[in-house]
Structures are given as C-alpha cells and as structure tokens.
Protein backbone atom coordinates (compact mmCIF):
# COMPACT_ATOMS: atom_id res chain seq x y z
CA MET A 1 -87.28 69.80 -36.07
CA THR A 2 -87.94 72.68 -33.66
CA ARG A 3 -91.67 72.34 -34.22
CA LEU A 4 -91.50 68.59 -33.54
CA VAL A 5 -89.68 69.17 -30.26
CA GLU A 6 -92.26 71.77 -29.19
CA VAL A 7 -95.16 69.44 -29.93
CA ARG A 8 -93.52 66.55 -28.08
CA THR A 9 -92.78 68.76 -25.09
CA ARG A 10 -96.39 69.90 -24.96
CA VAL A 11 -97.70 66.33 -25.22
CA LEU A 12 -95.45 65.14 -22.38
CA LYS A 13 -96.41 68.13 -20.21
CA GLN A 14 -100.10 67.37 -20.71
CA ASN A 15 -99.48 63.70 -19.94
CA ASP A 16 -97.62 64.54 -16.74
CA THR A 17 -100.50 66.75 -15.58
CA VAL A 18 -102.98 63.90 -16.00
CA ALA A 19 -100.54 61.41 -14.44
CA ARG A 20 -100.23 63.56 -11.31
CA ARG A 21 -104.01 63.71 -11.08
CA LEU A 22 -104.23 59.94 -11.42
CA ARG A 23 -101.52 59.31 -8.84
CA SER A 24 -103.34 61.48 -6.34
CA ARG A 25 -106.58 59.62 -7.06
CA PHE A 26 -104.90 56.23 -6.65
CA GLU A 27 -103.28 57.27 -3.37
CA ASP A 28 -106.54 58.65 -1.99
CA ALA A 29 -108.28 55.38 -2.86
CA GLY A 30 -105.54 53.28 -1.28
CA VAL A 31 -105.03 51.15 -4.40
CA SER A 32 -101.55 49.93 -5.32
CA VAL A 33 -100.95 50.45 -9.05
CA ALA A 34 -98.25 48.61 -10.98
CA SER A 35 -97.56 48.88 -14.70
CA LEU A 36 -95.88 46.16 -16.75
CA VAL A 37 -93.72 46.96 -19.76
CA SER A 38 -91.79 44.69 -22.10
CA SER A 39 -91.10 43.92 -25.73
CA PRO A 40 -93.71 41.79 -27.54
CA GLY A 41 -93.63 38.13 -26.56
CA ALA A 42 -91.79 38.54 -23.26
CA GLY A 43 -94.69 37.00 -21.35
CA LYS A 44 -96.48 40.02 -19.82
CA THR A 45 -99.97 38.64 -20.33
CA ALA A 46 -99.07 35.18 -19.06
CA LEU A 47 -97.41 36.64 -15.98
CA LEU A 48 -100.34 38.95 -15.32
CA GLU A 49 -102.95 36.23 -15.77
CA ARG A 50 -101.25 34.01 -13.21
CA THR A 51 -100.69 36.99 -10.90
CA LEU A 52 -104.38 37.90 -10.95
CA THR A 53 -105.38 34.28 -10.42
CA GLU A 54 -103.00 33.89 -7.47
CA LEU A 55 -103.98 37.15 -5.79
CA ILE A 56 -107.73 37.19 -6.32
CA GLY A 57 -108.44 34.89 -3.40
CA ASP A 58 -106.92 37.32 -0.90
CA PHE A 59 -107.01 40.70 -2.63
CA ARG A 60 -109.32 42.80 -4.75
CA VAL A 61 -107.57 43.05 -8.11
CA ALA A 62 -108.25 44.48 -11.56
CA ALA A 63 -106.30 45.19 -14.73
CA LEU A 64 -106.14 47.44 -17.75
CA VAL A 65 -104.55 46.03 -20.87
CA GLY A 66 -103.26 48.04 -23.81
CA ASP A 67 -102.88 46.78 -27.37
CA LEU A 68 -102.74 48.31 -30.82
CA ALA A 69 -105.63 46.09 -31.93
CA THR A 70 -107.86 43.19 -30.76
CA ASP A 71 -109.06 42.39 -27.26
CA ASN A 72 -107.40 38.97 -27.18
CA ASP A 73 -105.30 39.71 -24.10
CA ALA A 74 -108.25 41.18 -22.22
CA LYS A 75 -110.28 38.02 -22.88
CA ARG A 76 -107.37 35.92 -21.67
CA LEU A 77 -106.95 37.92 -18.48
CA ALA A 78 -110.70 37.78 -17.81
CA ARG A 79 -110.31 34.05 -17.17
CA SER A 80 -108.81 35.01 -13.80
CA GLY A 81 -112.19 36.33 -12.68
CA ALA A 82 -110.83 39.84 -12.11
CA PRO A 83 -112.38 42.96 -13.69
CA ILE A 84 -110.51 43.66 -16.94
CA ARG A 85 -110.76 46.59 -19.30
CA GLN A 86 -109.18 46.79 -22.77
CA ILE A 87 -107.54 49.96 -24.11
CA THR A 88 -107.11 49.81 -27.88
CA THR A 89 -104.53 52.38 -28.96
CA GLY A 90 -104.76 52.01 -32.75
CA THR A 91 -101.51 53.42 -34.14
CA VAL A 92 -100.18 54.66 -30.78
CA CYS A 93 -97.36 52.43 -29.55
CA HIS A 94 -97.84 53.11 -25.83
CA LEU A 95 -100.43 53.93 -23.21
CA GLU A 96 -100.89 57.51 -22.04
CA ALA A 97 -102.25 58.85 -18.78
CA ALA A 98 -105.38 60.24 -20.45
CA MET A 99 -106.19 56.73 -21.74
CA ILE A 100 -105.95 55.37 -18.19
CA GLU A 101 -108.08 58.16 -16.79
CA GLU A 102 -110.80 57.53 -19.36
CA ALA A 103 -110.72 53.76 -18.85
CA ILE A 104 -111.23 53.96 -15.08
CA ALA A 105 -113.68 56.88 -15.09
CA ASP A 106 -116.54 54.81 -13.68
CA TRP A 107 -114.51 52.44 -11.49
CA LEU A 108 -114.72 52.65 -7.69
CA LEU A 109 -111.01 52.48 -6.96
CA GLU A 110 -111.67 52.30 -3.22
CA GLU A 111 -112.93 48.77 -3.84
CA LEU A 112 -109.54 47.63 -5.20
CA ASP A 113 -106.28 46.63 -3.53
CA PHE A 114 -104.28 46.21 -6.74
CA LEU A 115 -104.65 47.67 -10.21
CA PHE A 116 -102.32 46.37 -12.91
CA ILE A 117 -101.65 48.16 -16.18
CA GLU A 118 -100.27 46.07 -19.04
CA ASN A 119 -98.68 48.44 -21.52
CA VAL A 120 -98.35 47.93 -25.26
CA GLY A 121 -95.43 45.66 -26.16
CA ASN A 122 -92.63 48.18 -26.60
CA LEU A 123 -89.46 49.08 -24.70
CA VAL A 124 -89.05 52.58 -26.13
CA CYS A 125 -92.14 54.83 -26.00
CA PRO A 126 -93.58 53.65 -22.65
CA ALA A 127 -90.42 54.84 -20.89
CA THR A 128 -91.43 58.46 -21.50
CA PHE A 129 -95.06 58.36 -20.40
CA ASP A 130 -95.94 58.44 -16.71
CA LEU A 131 -99.26 56.66 -16.05
CA GLY A 132 -99.63 57.62 -12.42
CA GLU A 133 -98.50 54.17 -11.31
CA ALA A 134 -96.76 53.58 -7.97
CA ARG A 135 -94.46 50.95 -9.44
CA ARG A 136 -93.24 50.20 -12.96
CA VAL A 137 -91.92 46.74 -13.75
CA VAL A 138 -89.91 45.91 -16.86
CA LEU A 139 -89.99 42.32 -18.12
CA CYS A 140 -87.39 40.64 -20.28
CA ALA A 141 -87.48 36.97 -21.23
CA ALA A 142 -84.60 34.53 -21.00
CA THR A 143 -85.27 33.79 -24.67
CA GLU A 144 -84.51 37.41 -25.64
CA GLY A 145 -80.85 37.35 -24.67
CA GLU A 146 -78.82 39.19 -22.06
CA ASP A 147 -78.30 42.58 -23.72
CA LYS A 148 -81.80 44.07 -23.44
CA PRO A 149 -80.79 46.43 -20.60
CA LEU A 150 -77.87 47.76 -22.64
CA LYS A 151 -80.01 48.29 -25.75
CA TYR A 152 -82.92 49.91 -23.92
CA PRO A 153 -81.44 51.62 -20.86
CA THR A 154 -84.14 54.28 -20.53
CA ILE A 155 -86.94 51.84 -19.73
CA PHE A 156 -84.76 50.16 -17.08
CA ASN A 157 -83.88 53.54 -15.58
CA THR A 158 -87.57 54.44 -15.26
CA ALA A 159 -88.60 51.08 -13.76
CA ASP A 160 -88.62 49.99 -10.13
CA ALA A 161 -87.93 46.31 -10.72
CA ALA A 162 -86.96 43.93 -13.50
CA VAL A 163 -88.48 40.48 -13.95
CA ILE A 164 -86.66 37.91 -16.05
CA THR A 165 -89.40 35.66 -17.44
CA LYS A 166 -89.38 32.20 -19.03
CA ILE A 167 -86.52 31.17 -16.78
CA ASP A 168 -87.54 27.54 -17.31
CA LEU A 169 -86.14 27.86 -20.85
CA ALA A 170 -82.79 29.31 -19.74
CA GLN A 171 -80.78 26.15 -20.23
CA ALA A 172 -82.35 25.34 -23.60
CA VAL A 173 -81.49 28.78 -25.02
CA GLU A 174 -78.12 28.97 -23.23
CA PHE A 175 -79.20 32.04 -21.32
CA ASP A 176 -76.45 33.63 -19.21
CA ALA A 177 -78.33 34.82 -16.13
CA ALA A 178 -75.19 36.24 -14.51
CA ALA A 179 -74.56 38.41 -17.58
CA MET A 180 -78.16 39.64 -17.55
CA HIS A 181 -77.88 40.62 -13.89
CA ARG A 182 -74.58 42.43 -14.55
CA ASN A 183 -76.11 44.33 -17.46
CA ILE A 184 -79.14 45.38 -15.42
CA GLN A 185 -76.98 46.57 -12.54
CA ALA A 186 -74.67 48.41 -14.95
CA VAL A 187 -77.66 50.40 -16.20
CA ARG A 188 -79.56 50.68 -12.90
CA PRO A 189 -77.37 49.91 -9.86
CA GLY A 190 -79.29 48.39 -6.98
CA MET A 191 -82.34 47.51 -9.04
CA THR A 192 -84.50 44.65 -7.75
CA VAL A 193 -84.29 41.70 -10.17
CA LEU A 194 -86.54 38.65 -10.03
CA GLU A 195 -86.36 35.46 -12.09
CA VAL A 196 -89.65 33.64 -12.67
CA SER A 197 -91.31 31.00 -14.75
CA THR A 198 -95.02 31.57 -15.18
CA LYS A 199 -95.40 28.12 -16.74
CA THR A 200 -93.77 26.08 -13.97
CA GLY A 201 -94.29 28.50 -11.09
CA GLN A 202 -90.54 28.65 -10.39
CA HIS A 203 -89.85 31.59 -8.04
CA PHE A 204 -93.34 32.94 -8.70
CA SER A 205 -93.89 33.34 -4.97
CA ASP A 206 -90.95 35.78 -4.91
CA TRP A 207 -92.76 37.96 -7.43
CA LEU A 208 -95.99 37.89 -5.43
CA GLN A 209 -94.12 38.66 -2.24
CA TRP A 210 -92.47 41.67 -3.88
CA LEU A 211 -95.84 42.96 -5.05
CA THR A 212 -97.49 42.61 -1.65
CA SER A 213 -94.51 44.13 0.16
CA GLN A 214 -94.56 47.12 -2.18
CA ALA A 215 -98.28 47.53 -1.61
CA ALA A 216 -97.78 47.43 2.14
CA GLU A 217 -95.02 50.02 1.89
CA HIS A 218 -97.22 52.17 -0.35
C-alpha cells in the first residue's frame, strides 16, 4: 500500500508540473480553456457540439476530446466546423496534462479564443488531474437523478460551475430540480448552476453567456 501511495503521489506531482506549464502557455496565448467532465451519457458531446456551432461565428474555437476508444465523438464535434483533435486513452479512465500538451504541440494557441477539453466519461479520476484549464465544468443530466453531487463530491468541489443537462426531460423522469440545487450547494456553497437543454435550446443562451463572461474575466 505504501508503494502504491508513493507512485500515485509521484504521478500527480508530474501531472501538476505539466499542468502549470500548460496554464502559463494558455494565459500567454490569451485563450480561454474550459474542461467538461461528467459520467457517461450525461450529454457532454451534445452540449459541446452545439456550443462550438453557436460560438464559431463570433469566436475562434477548438476542442480536444478524450475517450477510451474510437473517434466517434471527435467526428461528431467536427461537424461544427471547429478544429477537433481526438485523444484516445486506451485503459486510462481520464485525461492527463501530458496528453493535452502532446495533443496541442503544433497548435497556434494565439489563434484561438476558446479551447474546450471533453474529458473521458467519469466522475472520479478526472477530479484529481489538473489539465491547466481556466475553468472546469461538471455536467449531470436530469435523467441521472438528484444525488450525483452527494455521491461524487470531489468532482463538484474541483469544478467552477455545474450544468444540469437534458432539462427538457425533467418532467418525464420526475426530476426534482430543487433537490439537485440543494445537493450541489450542500457540497459546494455558492457554486454557479445552470439548467440547459441542448436539444430544445432551453436556457442555452445562459450557458453561452457564462462562458463568454468567464473568458472576458480571464
């Protein structure tokens, strides 16, 4: 057990070193970087595809997408017209800073306003790994129930905002939005919480406004 702890500590230290290097590079380039984390099926890719499509007329946007296997999500996001790069992690259940650094090695970040990072579908491991992002957003779908924040508090504590997706299905699945908000605030008091439907566009402008305001602040 001691050996395992030592190895994990070393891995995280190395990751943090690369993440600091990335953050400095992002800041120097003036690009606003946001990472998206969620459990599988919460609607990250759908949200990101619409986000890229909505922003690309006014901003220079790009995205990195992480998956254990296949480039299906990357192909889907490419429909937005934005530059997309796939990171296939194999057996690794999260993205790491070194993966991001390698993926953007030949990108001219100065030519971007926004860079989005879609992490592997997982609410556990990504909480530990800094990717150099300016903002981390955790997604949870109305169809997943109201107790996600209580089950996975670490990811909510390391995120800057929470987005409740698939809100158009709330009534059908008897989703208790008030309970979800209470649970999020119990774990992370004062956290920004947005409710959106990518399918219908409900409150999607609130999400875009939050992104652009954060970029302006950054």
